[in-house]
Amino acid sequence: MAELDIDLYDEPARARIEALQRRLAEELLKLGHTVIVEWGFWARSERDALRLRARGLGAAVELRYLDVPIDRLWDRLRTRRDERPWATALVERADLVRWASKFEAPDAHEQSLYDPSDP
C-alpha cells in the first residue's frame, strides 16, 4: 500500500487490495502454484475460511505462526521505519499494543488442522 501511496488506514482500499490478492492467489492455486498469504488472519474464523477455501481448491495448507513479544515487534517496526521511511506507515506503539490485544493466537488444536510444514 505504501508503494502505491495508499494510506495504511484506508480500510476500503485495503479491502479492495486484499480481495484482488485473494482472487490472484486462488487462480495461482488452481494452476498448482504455491502461494504465501501474509496478511490479516487476526481471528481464527479468518484462518479457517482461507484454509477451507484453499483445501477446496485442492491445495495443501500450512500455517506458520511466530509468537513474538510486543517489545521485539516494536523494535522491528522502528527499524523498518528508520531504514525505509518512505515505504512504511507510521505505527505507534499504542497501535501495536491495541492490535495485539485483538489477535487470536492459534492453539495446538487449530495448528493440527493444517498440513505439516517443511523444517
PDB file of N, CA and C in Angstrom:
ATOM      1  N   MET A   1       0.826  -1.183   0.000  1.00  0.00           N
ATOM      2  CA  MET A   1       0.000   0.000   0.000  1.00  0.00           C
ATOM      3  C   MET A   1       0.874   1.252   0.000  1.00  0.00           C
ATOM      4  N   ALA A   2       1.980   1.189   0.728  1.00  0.00           N
ATOM      5  CA  ALA A   2       2.890   2.336   0.753  1.00  0.00           C
ATOM      6  C   ALA A   2       3.456   2.594  -0.639  1.00  0.00           C
ATOM      7  N   GLU A   3       3.799   1.538  -1.360  1.00  0.00           N
ATOM      8  CA  GLU A   3       4.343   1.681  -2.711  1.00  0.00           C
ATOM      9  C   GLU A   3       3.346   2.355  -3.643  1.00  0.00           C
ATOM     10  N   LEU A   4       2.057   2.166  -3.395  1.00  0.00           N
ATOM     11  CA  LEU A   4       1.006   2.768  -4.219  1.00  0.00           C
ATOM     12  C   LEU A   4       0.525   4.095  -3.650  1.00  0.00           C
ATOM     13  N   ASP A   5       1.177   4.556  -2.580  1.00  0.00           N
ATOM     14  CA  ASP A   5       0.816   5.805  -1.911  1.00  0.00           C
ATOM     15  C   ASP A   5      -0.630   5.766  -1.402  1.00  0.00           C
ATOM     16  N   ILE A   6      -0.992   4.612  -0.828  1.00  0.00           N
ATOM     17  CA  ILE A   6      -2.320   4.427  -0.247  1.00  0.00           C
ATOM     18  C   ILE A   6      -2.154   4.387   1.262  1.00  0.00           C
ATOM     19  N   ASP A   7      -2.959   5.132   1.954  1.00  0.00           N
ATOM     20  CA  ASP A   7      -2.908   5.201   3.411  1.00  0.00           C
ATOM     21  C   ASP A   7      -3.167   3.817   4.007  1.00  0.00           C
ATOM     22  N   LEU A   8      -2.269   3.381   4.878  1.00  0.00           N
ATOM     23  CA  LEU A   8      -2.397   2.085   5.537  1.00  0.00           C
ATOM     24  C   LEU A   8      -3.740   1.941   6.247  1.00  0.00           C
ATOM     25  N   TYR A   9      -4.283   3.042   6.713  1.00  0.00           N
ATOM     26  CA  TYR A   9      -5.521   3.010   7.478  1.00  0.00           C
ATOM     27  C   TYR A   9      -6.769   3.229   6.620  1.00  0.00           C
ATOM     28  N   ASP A  10      -6.617   3.231   5.309  1.00  0.00           N
ATOM     29  CA  ASP A  10      -7.755   3.373   4.390  1.00  0.00           C
ATOM     30  C   ASP A  10      -8.397   1.993   4.242  1.00  0.00           C
ATOM     31  N   GLU A  11      -9.375   1.716   5.087  1.00  0.00           N
ATOM     32  CA  GLU A  11      -9.982   0.375   5.125  1.00  0.00           C
ATOM     33  C   GLU A  11     -10.644  -0.034   3.810  1.00  0.00           C
ATOM     34  N   PRO A  12     -11.390   0.853   3.124  1.00  0.00           N
ATOM     35  CA  PRO A  12     -11.965   0.433   1.832  1.00  0.00           C
ATOM     36  C   PRO A  12     -10.884   0.054   0.810  1.00  0.00           C
ATOM     37  N   ALA A  13      -9.805   0.815   0.768  1.00  0.00           N
ATOM     38  CA  ALA A  13      -8.716   0.479  -0.163  1.00  0.00           C
ATOM     39  C   ALA A  13      -8.078  -0.842   0.229  1.00  0.00           C
ATOM     40  N   ARG A  14      -7.858  -1.041   1.524  1.00  0.00           N
ATOM     41  CA  ARG A  14      -7.268  -2.291   2.000  1.00  0.00           C
ATOM     42  C   ARG A  14      -8.163  -3.477   1.618  1.00  0.00           C
ATOM     43  N   ALA A  15      -9.447  -3.325   1.765  1.00  0.00           N
ATOM     44  CA  ALA A  15     -10.377  -4.411   1.422  1.00  0.00           C
ATOM     45  C   ALA A  15     -10.306  -4.736  -0.070  1.00  0.00           C
ATOM     46  N   ARG A  16     -10.219  -3.718  -0.913  1.00  0.00           N
ATOM     47  CA  ARG A  16     -10.119  -3.952  -2.364  1.00  0.00           C
ATOM     48  C   ARG A  16      -8.809  -4.647  -2.717  1.00  0.00           C
ATOM     49  N   ILE A  17      -7.729  -4.220  -2.099  1.00  0.00           N
ATOM     50  CA  ILE A  17      -6.427  -4.839  -2.375  1.00  0.00           C
ATOM     51  C   ILE A  17      -6.418  -6.295  -1.916  1.00  0.00           C
ATOM     52  N   GLU A  18      -6.933  -6.555  -0.737  1.00  0.00           N
ATOM     53  CA  GLU A  18      -6.957  -7.933  -0.242  1.00  0.00           C
ATOM     54  C   GLU A  18      -7.869  -8.818  -1.093  1.00  0.00           C
ATOM     55  N   ALA A  19      -8.982  -8.266  -1.578  1.00  0.00           N
ATOM     56  CA  ALA A  19      -9.862  -9.051  -2.456  1.00  0.00           C
ATOM     57  C   ALA A  19      -9.134  -9.404  -3.751  1.00  0.00           C
ATOM     58  N   LEU A  20      -8.401  -8.450  -4.305  1.00  0.00           N
ATOM     59  CA  LEU A  20      -7.618  -8.715  -5.510  1.00  0.00           C
ATOM     60  C   LEU A  20      -6.549  -9.773  -5.231  1.00  0.00           C
ATOM     61  N   GLN A  21      -5.846  -9.630  -4.126  1.00  0.00           N
ATOM     62  CA  GLN A  21      -4.820 -10.618  -3.765  1.00  0.00           C
ATOM     63  C   GLN A  21      -5.438 -11.995  -3.583  1.00  0.00           C
ATOM     64  N   ARG A  22      -6.599 -12.043  -2.967  1.00  0.00           N
ATOM     65  CA  ARG A  22      -7.267 -13.331  -2.743  1.00  0.00           C
ATOM     66  C   ARG A  22      -7.628 -13.985  -4.080  1.00  0.00           C
ATOM     67  N   ARG A  23      -8.184 -13.196  -5.014  1.00  0.00           N
ATOM     68  CA  ARG A  23      -8.537 -13.744  -6.333  1.00  0.00           C
ATOM     69  C   ARG A  23      -7.299 -14.249  -7.066  1.00  0.00           C
ATOM     70  N   LEU A  24      -6.222 -13.466  -7.033  1.00  0.00           N
ATOM     71  CA  LEU A  24      -4.992 -13.893  -7.701  1.00  0.00           C
ATOM     72  C   LEU A  24      -4.417 -15.152  -7.050  1.00  0.00           C
ATOM     73  N   ALA A  25      -4.458 -15.214  -5.726  1.00  0.00           N
ATOM     74  CA  ALA A  25      -3.964 -16.402  -5.017  1.00  0.00           C
ATOM     75  C   ALA A  25      -4.762 -17.634  -5.419  1.00  0.00           C
ATOM     76  N   GLU A  26      -6.072 -17.501  -5.514  1.00  0.00           N
ATOM     77  CA  GLU A  26      -6.900 -18.648  -5.902  1.00  0.00           C
ATOM     78  C   GLU A  26      -6.584 -19.098  -7.321  1.00  0.00           C
ATOM     79  N   GLU A  27      -6.376 -18.149  -8.221  1.00  0.00           N
ATOM     80  CA  GLU A  27      -6.023 -18.518  -9.597  1.00  0.00           C
ATOM     81  C   GLU A  27      -4.688 -19.265  -9.631  1.00  0.00           C
ATOM     82  N   LEU A  28      -3.731 -18.786  -8.865  1.00  0.00           N
ATOM     83  CA  LEU A  28      -2.431 -19.460  -8.815  1.00  0.00           C
ATOM     84  C   LEU A  28      -2.546 -20.862  -8.214  1.00  0.00           C
ATOM     85  N   LEU A  29      -3.356 -20.993  -7.158  1.00  0.00           N
ATOM     86  CA  LEU A  29      -3.551 -22.324  -6.562  1.00  0.00           C
ATOM     87  C   LEU A  29      -4.192 -23.283  -7.560  1.00  0.00           C
ATOM     88  N   LYS A  30      -5.161 -22.789  -8.314  1.00  0.00           N
ATOM     89  CA  LYS A  30      -5.818 -23.629  -9.326  1.00  0.00           C
ATOM     90  C   LYS A  30      -4.833 -24.122 -10.372  1.00  0.00           C
ATOM     91  N   LEU A  31      -3.788 -23.327 -10.608  1.00  0.00           N
ATOM     92  CA  LEU A  31      -2.754 -23.708 -11.583  1.00  0.00           C
ATOM     93  C   LEU A  31      -1.657 -24.565 -10.959  1.00  0.00           C
ATOM     94  N   GLY A  32      -1.799 -24.864  -9.665  1.00  0.00           N
ATOM     95  CA  GLY A  32      -0.839 -25.736  -8.996  1.00  0.00           C
ATOM     96  C   GLY A  32       0.364 -25.031  -8.394  1.00  0.00           C
ATOM     97  N   HIS A  33       0.326 -23.720  -8.319  1.00  0.00           N
ATOM     98  CA  HIS A  33       1.443 -22.964  -7.758  1.00  0.00           C
ATOM     99  C   HIS A  33       1.333 -22.857  -6.237  1.00  0.00           C
ATOM    100  N   THR A  34       2.447 -22.557  -5.616  1.00  0.00           N
ATOM    101  CA  THR A  34       2.486 -22.282  -4.184  1.00  0.00           C
ATOM    102  C   THR A  34       2.200 -20.802  -3.963  1.00  0.00           C
ATOM    103  N   VAL A  35       1.392 -20.517  -2.965  1.00  0.00           N
ATOM    104  CA  VAL A  35       1.034 -19.136  -2.644  1.00  0.00           C
ATOM    105  C   VAL A  35       1.302 -18.907  -1.162  1.00  0.00           C
ATOM    106  N   ILE A  36       1.911 -17.789  -0.860  1.00  0.00           N
ATOM    107  CA  ILE A  36       2.098 -17.389   0.533  1.00  0.00           C
ATOM    108  C   ILE A  36       1.205 -16.193   0.785  1.00  0.00           C
ATOM    109  N   VAL A  37       0.321 -16.335   1.748  1.00  0.00           N
ATOM    110  CA  VAL A  37      -0.581 -15.244   2.129  1.00  0.00           C
ATOM    111  C   VAL A  37      -0.101 -14.739   3.476  1.00  0.00           C
ATOM    112  N   GLU A  38       0.213 -13.460   3.515  1.00  0.00           N
ATOM    113  CA  GLU A  38       0.812 -12.905   4.723  1.00  0.00           C
ATOM    114  C   GLU A  38       0.117 -11.593   5.093  1.00  0.00           C
ATOM    115  N   TRP A  39      -1.154 -11.691   5.338  1.00  0.00           N
ATOM    116  CA  TRP A  39      -1.879 -10.517   5.812  1.00  0.00           C
ATOM    117  C   TRP A  39      -3.020 -10.987   6.690  1.00  0.00           C
ATOM    118  N   GLY A  40      -3.424 -10.110   7.591  1.00  0.00           N
ATOM    119  CA  GLY A  40      -4.602 -10.374   8.402  1.00  0.00           C
ATOM    120  C   GLY A  40      -4.524 -11.640   9.223  1.00  0.00           C
ATOM    121  N   PHE A  41      -5.605 -12.366   9.205  1.00  0.00           N
ATOM    122  CA  PHE A  41      -5.727 -13.616   9.944  1.00  0.00           C
ATOM    123  C   PHE A  41      -5.620 -13.408  11.442  1.00  0.00           C
ATOM    124  N   TRP A  42      -6.155 -12.298  11.883  1.00  0.00           N
ATOM    125  CA  TRP A  42      -6.149 -11.981  13.307  1.00  0.00           C
ATOM    126  C   TRP A  42      -7.097 -12.898  14.069  1.00  0.00           C
ATOM    127  N   ALA A  43      -8.123 -13.373  13.397  1.00  0.00           N
ATOM    128  CA  ALA A  43      -9.133 -14.210  14.053  1.00  0.00           C
ATOM    129  C   ALA A  43      -9.090 -15.619  13.475  1.00  0.00           C
ATOM    130  N   ARG A  44      -9.411 -16.557  14.319  1.00  0.00           N
ATOM    131  CA  ARG A  44      -9.440 -17.945  13.863  1.00  0.00           C
ATOM    132  C   ARG A  44     -10.412 -18.109  12.708  1.00  0.00           C
ATOM    133  N   SER A  45     -11.543 -17.423  12.760  1.00  0.00           N
ATOM    134  CA  SER A  45     -12.538 -17.564  11.691  1.00  0.00           C
ATOM    135  C   SER A  45     -11.955 -17.171  10.334  1.00  0.00           C
ATOM    136  N   GLU A  46     -11.081 -16.161  10.297  1.00  0.00           N
ATOM    137  CA  GLU A  46     -10.428 -15.767   9.039  1.00  0.00           C
ATOM    138  C   GLU A  46      -9.496 -16.872   8.548  1.00  0.00           C
ATOM    139  N   ARG A  47      -8.731 -17.442   9.474  1.00  0.00           N
ATOM    140  CA  ARG A  47      -7.800 -18.503   9.095  1.00  0.00           C
ATOM    141  C   ARG A  47      -8.568 -19.745   8.639  1.00  0.00           C
ATOM    142  N   ASP A  48      -9.656 -20.071   9.340  1.00  0.00           N
ATOM    143  CA  ASP A  48     -10.470 -21.232   8.953  1.00  0.00           C
ATOM    144  C   ASP A  48     -11.028 -21.059   7.546  1.00  0.00           C
ATOM    145  N   ALA A  49     -11.552 -19.869   7.251  1.00  0.00           N
ATOM    146  CA  ALA A  49     -12.150 -19.621   5.938  1.00  0.00           C
ATOM    147  C   ALA A  49     -11.119 -19.787   4.825  1.00  0.00           C
ATOM    148  N   LEU A  50      -9.931 -19.248   5.017  1.00  0.00           N
ATOM    149  CA  LEU A  50      -8.899 -19.368   3.994  1.00  0.00           C
ATOM    150  C   LEU A  50      -8.431 -20.816   3.851  1.00  0.00           C
ATOM    151  N   ARG A  51      -8.251 -21.500   4.971  1.00  0.00           N
ATOM    152  CA  ARG A  51      -7.809 -22.904   4.929  1.00  0.00           C
ATOM    153  C   ARG A  51      -8.817 -23.755   4.179  1.00  0.00           C
ATOM    154  N   LEU A  52     -10.083 -23.581   4.494  1.00  0.00           N
ATOM    155  CA  LEU A  52     -11.117 -24.390   3.844  1.00  0.00           C
ATOM    156  C   LEU A  52     -11.242 -24.060   2.360  1.00  0.00           C
ATOM    157  N   ARG A  53     -11.116 -22.792   1.997  1.00  0.00           N
ATOM    158  CA  ARG A  53     -11.188 -22.400   0.586  1.00  0.00           C
ATOM    159  C   ARG A  53     -10.010 -22.992  -0.185  1.00  0.00           C
ATOM    160  N   ALA A  54      -8.811 -22.894   0.376  1.00  0.00           N
ATOM    161  CA  ALA A  54      -7.631 -23.439  -0.300  1.00  0.00           C
ATOM    162  C   ALA A  54      -7.732 -24.958  -0.431  1.00  0.00           C
ATOM    163  N   ARG A  55      -8.197 -25.611   0.621  1.00  0.00           N
ATOM    164  CA  ARG A  55      -8.371 -27.069   0.547  1.00  0.00           C
ATOM    165  C   ARG A  55      -9.410 -27.427  -0.512  1.00  0.00           C
ATOM    166  N   GLY A  56     -10.454 -26.606  -0.623  1.00  0.00           N
ATOM    167  CA  GLY A  56     -11.464 -26.829  -1.650  1.00  0.00           C
ATOM    168  C   GLY A  56     -10.897 -26.724  -3.060  1.00  0.00           C
ATOM    169  N   LEU A  57      -9.802 -26.018  -3.207  1.00  0.00           N
ATOM    170  CA  LEU A  57      -9.124 -25.901  -4.492  1.00  0.00           C
ATOM    171  C   LEU A  57      -8.058 -26.973  -4.668  1.00  0.00           C
ATOM    172  N   GLY A  58      -7.956 -27.878  -3.675  1.00  0.00           N
ATOM    173  CA  GLY A  58      -7.009 -28.981  -3.764  1.00  0.00           C
ATOM    174  C   GLY A  58      -5.615 -28.661  -3.271  1.00  0.00           C
ATOM    175  N   ALA A  59      -5.458 -27.550  -2.572  1.00  0.00           N
ATOM    176  CA  ALA A  59      -4.127 -27.145  -2.116  1.00  0.00           C
ATOM    177  C   ALA A  59      -3.841 -27.655  -0.713  1.00  0.00           C
ATOM    178  N   ALA A  60      -2.590 -27.980  -0.461  1.00  0.00           N
ATOM    179  CA  ALA A  60      -2.137 -28.223   0.905  1.00  0.00           C
ATOM    180  C   ALA A  60      -2.039 -26.857   1.578  1.00  0.00           C
ATOM    181  N   VAL A  61      -2.274 -26.817   2.875  1.00  0.00           N
ATOM    182  CA  VAL A  61      -2.277 -25.529   3.583  1.00  0.00           C
ATOM    183  C   VAL A  61      -1.445 -25.646   4.847  1.00  0.00           C
ATOM    184  N   GLU A  62      -0.436 -24.792   4.939  1.00  0.00           N
ATOM    185  CA  GLU A  62       0.416 -24.733   6.120  1.00  0.00           C
ATOM    186  C   GLU A  62       0.124 -23.442   6.871  1.00  0.00           C
ATOM    187  N   LEU A  63       0.321 -23.494   8.170  1.00  0.00           N
ATOM    188  CA  LEU A  63       0.211 -22.299   9.000  1.00  0.00           C
ATOM    189  C   LEU A  63       1.554 -22.072   9.655  1.00  0.00           C
ATOM    190  N   ARG A  64       2.130 -20.923   9.403  1.00  0.00           N
ATOM    191  CA  ARG A  64       3.395 -20.554  10.052  1.00  0.00           C
ATOM    192  C   ARG A  64       3.064 -19.442  11.037  1.00  0.00           C
ATOM    193  N   TYR A  65       3.180 -19.744  12.305  1.00  0.00           N
ATOM    194  CA  TYR A  65       2.866 -18.779  13.360  1.00  0.00           C
ATOM    195  C   TYR A  65       4.101 -18.556  14.213  1.00  0.00           C
ATOM    196  N   LEU A  66       4.474 -17.300  14.361  1.00  0.00           N
ATOM    197  CA  LEU A  66       5.618 -16.939  15.195  1.00  0.00           C
ATOM    198  C   LEU A  66       5.102 -16.131  16.374  1.00  0.00           C
ATOM    199  N   ASP A  67       5.354 -16.620  17.547  1.00  0.00           N
ATOM    200  CA  ASP A  67       4.923 -15.933  18.764  1.00  0.00           C
ATOM    201  C   ASP A  67       6.049 -14.982  19.186  1.00  0.00           C
ATOM    202  N   VAL A  68       5.889 -13.717  18.830  1.00  0.00           N
ATOM    203  CA  VAL A  68       6.941 -12.721  19.059  1.00  0.00           C
ATOM    204  C   VAL A  68       6.439 -11.703  20.082  1.00  0.00           C
ATOM    205  N   PRO A  69       7.227 -11.418  21.105  1.00  0.00           N
ATOM    206  CA  PRO A  69       6.808 -10.437  22.114  1.00  0.00           C
ATOM    207  C   PRO A  69       6.635  -9.036  21.521  1.00  0.00           C
ATOM    208  N   ILE A  70       5.747  -8.262  22.120  1.00  0.00           N
ATOM    209  CA  ILE A  70       5.453  -6.900  21.666  1.00  0.00           C
ATOM    210  C   ILE A  70       6.733  -6.068  21.568  1.00  0.00           C
ATOM    211  N   ASP A  71       7.609  -6.161  22.538  1.00  0.00           N
ATOM    212  CA  ASP A  71       8.837  -5.356  22.505  1.00  0.00           C
ATOM    213  C   ASP A  71       9.667  -5.651  21.260  1.00  0.00           C
ATOM    214  N   ARG A  72       9.739  -6.915  20.888  1.00  0.00           N
ATOM    215  CA  ARG A  72      10.505  -7.297  19.687  1.00  0.00           C
ATOM    216  C   ARG A  72       9.816  -6.786  18.421  1.00  0.00           C
ATOM    217  N   LEU A  73       8.483  -6.903  18.368  1.00  0.00           N
ATOM    218  CA  LEU A  73       7.744  -6.378  17.220  1.00  0.00           C
ATOM    219  C   LEU A  73       7.944  -4.870  17.099  1.00  0.00           C
ATOM    220  N   TRP A  74       7.894  -4.180  18.214  1.00  0.00           N
ATOM    221  CA  TRP A  74       8.078  -2.734  18.210  1.00  0.00           C
ATOM    222  C   TRP A  74       9.476  -2.379  17.699  1.00  0.00           C
ATOM    223  N   ASP A  75      10.491  -3.103  18.141  1.00  0.00           N
ATOM    224  CA  ASP A  75      11.853  -2.858  17.655  1.00  0.00           C
ATOM    225  C   ASP A  75      11.933  -3.057  16.140  1.00  0.00           C
ATOM    226  N   ARG A  76      11.293  -4.096  15.630  1.00  0.00           N
ATOM    227  CA  ARG A  76      11.319  -4.363  14.188  1.00  0.00           C
ATOM    228  C   ARG A  76      10.616  -3.257  13.410  1.00  0.00           C
ATOM    229  N   LEU A  77       9.476  -2.799  13.931  1.00  0.00           N
ATOM    230  CA  LEU A  77       8.750  -1.707  13.261  1.00  0.00           C
ATOM    231  C   LEU A  77       9.585  -0.433  13.204  1.00  0.00           C
ATOM    232  N   ARG A  78      10.212  -0.100  14.309  1.00  0.00           N
ATOM    233  CA  ARG A  78      11.044   1.118  14.341  1.00  0.00           C
ATOM    234  C   ARG A  78      12.224   1.003  13.389  1.00  0.00           C
ATOM    235  N   THR A  79      12.858  -0.153  13.358  1.00  0.00           N
ATOM    236  CA  THR A  79      13.990  -0.355  12.454  1.00  0.00           C
ATOM    237  C   THR A  79      13.549  -0.227  11.001  1.00  0.00           C
ATOM    238  N   ARG A  80      12.436  -0.864  10.670  1.00  0.00           N
ATOM    239  CA  ARG A  80      11.928  -0.796   9.294  1.00  0.00           C
ATOM    240  C   ARG A  80      11.589   0.643   8.916  1.00  0.00           C
ATOM    241  N   ARG A  81      10.967   1.358   9.830  1.00  0.00           N
ATOM    242  CA  ARG A  81      10.610   2.755   9.571  1.00  0.00           C
ATOM    243  C   ARG A  81      11.860   3.614   9.395  1.00  0.00           C
ATOM    244  N   ASP A  82      12.895   3.344  10.194  1.00  0.00           N
ATOM    245  CA  ASP A  82      14.140   4.110  10.090  1.00  0.00           C
ATOM    246  C   ASP A  82      14.883   3.810   8.790  1.00  0.00           C
ATOM    247  N   GLU A  83      14.818   2.549   8.345  1.00  0.00           N
ATOM    248  CA  GLU A  83      15.534   2.157   7.134  1.00  0.00           C
ATOM    249  C   GLU A  83      14.818   2.573   5.859  1.00  0.00           C
ATOM    250  N   ARG A  84      13.497   2.555   5.884  1.00  0.00           N
ATOM    251  CA  ARG A  84      12.707   2.869   4.682  1.00  0.00           C
ATOM    252  C   ARG A  84      11.516   3.753   5.053  1.00  0.00           C
ATOM    253  N   PRO A  85      11.748   4.968   5.520  1.00  0.00           N
ATOM    254  CA  PRO A  85      10.629   5.798   5.975  1.00  0.00           C
ATOM    255  C   PRO A  85       9.618   6.115   4.881  1.00  0.00           C
ATOM    256  N   TRP A  86      10.052   6.141   3.656  1.00  0.00           N
ATOM    257  CA  TRP A  86       9.170   6.440   2.532  1.00  0.00           C
ATOM    258  C   TRP A  86       8.248   5.267   2.190  1.00  0.00           C
ATOM    259  N   ALA A  87       8.528   4.090   2.690  1.00  0.00           N
ATOM    260  CA  ALA A  87       7.768   2.897   2.308  1.00  0.00           C
ATOM    261  C   ALA A  87       7.021   2.265   3.474  1.00  0.00           C
ATOM    262  N   THR A  88       6.956   2.946   4.590  1.00  0.00           N
ATOM    263  CA  THR A  88       6.283   2.366   5.742  1.00  0.00           C
ATOM    264  C   THR A  88       5.286   3.362   6.319  1.00  0.00           C
ATOM    265  N   ALA A  89       4.256   2.826   6.902  1.00  0.00           N
ATOM    266  CA  ALA A  89       3.255   3.666   7.551  1.00  0.00           C
ATOM    267  C   ALA A  89       3.695   3.937   8.984  1.00  0.00           C
ATOM    268  N   LEU A  90       3.286   5.051   9.486  1.00  0.00           N
ATOM    269  CA  LEU A  90       3.602   5.391  10.861  1.00  0.00           C
ATOM    270  C   LEU A  90       2.703   4.572  11.788  1.00  0.00           C
ATOM    271  N   VAL A  91       3.316   3.710  12.556  1.00  0.00           N
ATOM    272  CA  VAL A  91       2.602   2.895  13.530  1.00  0.00           C
ATOM    273  C   VAL A  91       3.140   3.281  14.897  1.00  0.00           C
ATOM    274  N   GLU A  92       2.240   3.627  15.768  1.00  0.00           N
ATOM    275  CA  GLU A  92       2.638   3.977  17.131  1.00  0.00           C
ATOM    276  C   GLU A  92       2.620   2.713  17.997  1.00  0.00           C
ATOM    277  N   ARG A  93       3.384   2.732  19.063  1.00  0.00           N
ATOM    278  CA  ARG A  93       3.425   1.576  19.972  1.00  0.00           C
ATOM    279  C   ARG A  93       2.026   1.273  20.520  1.00  0.00           C
ATOM    280  N   ALA A  94       1.260   2.315  20.827  1.00  0.00           N
ATOM    281  CA  ALA A  94      -0.103   2.107  21.341  1.00  0.00           C
ATOM    282  C   ALA A  94      -0.965   1.356  20.332  1.00  0.00           C
ATOM    283  N   ASP A  95      -0.767   1.626  19.030  1.00  0.00           N
ATOM    284  CA  ASP A  95      -1.496   0.885  17.987  1.00  0.00           C
ATOM    285  C   ASP A  95      -1.134  -0.596  18.054  1.00  0.00           C
ATOM    286  N   LEU A  96       0.156  -0.850  18.134  1.00  0.00           N
ATOM    287  CA  LEU A  96       0.636  -2.233  18.173  1.00  0.00           C
ATOM    288  C   LEU A  96       0.065  -2.990  19.370  1.00  0.00           C
ATOM    289  N   VAL A  97       0.058  -2.359  20.529  1.00  0.00           N
ATOM    290  CA  VAL A  97      -0.470  -2.986  21.740  1.00  0.00           C
ATOM    291  C   VAL A  97      -1.974  -3.248  21.588  1.00  0.00           C
ATOM    292  N   ARG A  98      -2.685  -2.270  21.041  1.00  0.00           N
ATOM    293  CA  ARG A  98      -4.138  -2.429  20.842  1.00  0.00           C
ATOM    294  C   ARG A  98      -4.430  -3.567  19.870  1.00  0.00           C
ATOM    295  N   TRP A  99      -3.679  -3.616  18.758  1.00  0.00           N
ATOM    296  CA  TRP A  99      -3.895  -4.671  17.774  1.00  0.00           C
ATOM    297  C   TRP A  99      -3.565  -6.044  18.363  1.00  0.00           C
ATOM    298  N   ALA A 100      -2.503  -6.128  19.123  1.00  0.00           N
ATOM    299  CA  ALA A 100      -2.096  -7.409  19.717  1.00  0.00           C
ATOM    300  C   ALA A 100      -3.176  -7.941  20.653  1.00  0.00           C
ATOM    301  N   SER A 101      -3.881  -7.045  21.320  1.00  0.00           N
ATOM    302  CA  SER A 101      -4.934  -7.489  22.242  1.00  0.00           C
ATOM    303  C   SER A 101      -6.118  -8.111  21.500  1.00  0.00           C
ATOM    304  N   LYS A 102      -6.238  -7.835  20.209  1.00  0.00           N
ATOM    305  CA  LYS A 102      -7.345  -8.373  19.400  1.00  0.00           C
ATOM    306  C   LYS A 102      -6.977  -9.670  18.679  1.00  0.00           C
ATOM    307  N   PHE A 103      -5.694 -10.004  18.681  1.00  0.00           N
ATOM    308  CA  PHE A 103      -5.222 -11.168  17.943  1.00  0.00           C
ATOM    309  C   PHE A 103      -5.592 -12.462  18.652  1.00  0.00           C
ATOM    310  N   GLU A 104      -6.128 -13.420  17.905  1.00  0.00           N
ATOM    311  CA  GLU A 104      -6.452 -14.746  18.438  1.00  0.00           C
ATOM    312  C   GLU A 104      -5.345 -15.709  18.001  1.00  0.00           C
ATOM    313  N   ALA A 105      -4.433 -15.992  18.912  1.00  0.00           N
ATOM    314  CA  ALA A 105      -3.320 -16.893  18.589  1.00  0.00           C
ATOM    315  C   ALA A 105      -3.844 -18.303  18.339  1.00  0.00           C
ATOM    316  N   PRO A 106      -3.285 -18.995  17.348  1.00  0.00           N
ATOM    317  CA  PRO A 106      -3.715 -20.370  17.102  1.00  0.00           C
ATOM    318  C   PRO A 106      -3.248 -21.292  18.221  1.00  0.00           C
ATOM    319  N   ASP A 107      -4.170 -22.115  18.706  1.00  0.00           N
ATOM    320  CA  ASP A 107      -3.799 -23.078  19.736  1.00  0.00           C
ATOM    321  C   ASP A 107      -3.361 -24.384  19.066  1.00  0.00           C
ATOM    322  N   ALA A 108      -2.985 -25.352  19.878  1.00  0.00           N
ATOM    323  CA  ALA A 108      -2.476 -26.624  19.347  1.00  0.00           C
ATOM    324  C   ALA A 108      -3.521 -27.329  18.487  1.00  0.00           C
ATOM    325  N   HIS A 109      -4.787 -27.285  18.904  1.00  0.00           N
ATOM    326  CA  HIS A 109      -5.828 -27.947  18.107  1.00  0.00           C
ATOM    327  C   HIS A 109      -5.947 -27.299  16.726  1.00  0.00           C
ATOM    328  N   GLU A 110      -5.988 -25.974  16.694  1.00  0.00           N
ATOM    329  CA  GLU A 110      -6.088 -25.306  15.398  1.00  0.00           C
ATOM    330  C   GLU A 110      -4.881 -25.639  14.529  1.00  0.00           C
ATOM    331  N   GLN A 111      -3.700 -25.601  15.097  1.00  0.00           N
ATOM    332  CA  GLN A 111      -2.496 -25.891  14.321  1.00  0.00           C
ATOM    333  C   GLN A 111      -2.524 -27.303  13.749  1.00  0.00           C
ATOM    334  N   SER A 112      -3.193 -28.222  14.451  1.00  0.00           N
ATOM    335  CA  SER A 112      -3.271 -29.606  13.967  1.00  0.00           C
ATOM    336  C   SER A 112      -4.153 -29.740  12.725  1.00  0.00           C
ATOM    337  N   LEU A 113      -4.940 -28.726  12.408  1.00  0.00           N
ATOM    338  CA  LEU A 113      -5.815 -28.762  11.234  1.00  0.00           C
ATOM    339  C   LEU A 113      -5.075 -28.468   9.930  1.00  0.00           C
ATOM    340  N   TYR A 114      -3.832 -28.063  10.037  1.00  0.00           N
ATOM    341  CA  TYR A 114      -3.028 -27.697   8.871  1.00  0.00           C
ATOM    342  C   TYR A 114      -2.067 -28.809   8.509  1.00  0.00           C
ATOM    343  N   ASP A 115      -1.594 -28.744   7.283  1.00  0.00           N
ATOM    344  CA  ASP A 115      -0.584 -29.702   6.829  1.00  0.00           C
ATOM    345  C   ASP A 115       0.729 -29.382   7.524  1.00  0.00           C
ATOM    346  N   PRO A 116       1.558 -30.401   7.742  1.00  0.00           N
ATOM    347  CA  PRO A 116       2.852 -30.147   8.389  1.00  0.00           C
ATOM    348  C   PRO A 116       3.739 -29.276   7.499  1.00  0.00           C
ATOM    349  N   SER A 117       4.510 -28.409   8.139  1.00  0.00           N
ATOM    350  CA  SER A 117       5.451 -27.549   7.424  1.00  0.00           C
ATOM    351  C   SER A 117       6.769 -28.256   7.257  1.00  0.00           C
ATOM    352  N   ASP A 118       7.442 -27.964   6.156  1.00  0.00           N
ATOM    353  CA  ASP A 118       8.801 -28.471   5.995  1.00  0.00           C
ATOM    354  C   ASP A 118       9.699 -27.704   6.951  1.00  0.00           C
ATOM    355  N   PRO A 119      10.655 -28.407   7.568  1.00  0.00           N
ATOM    356  CA  PRO A 119      11.554 -27.700   8.520  1.00  0.00           C
ATOM    357  C   PRO A 119      12.425 -26.670   7.837  1.00  0.00           C
TER     358      PRO A 119
END
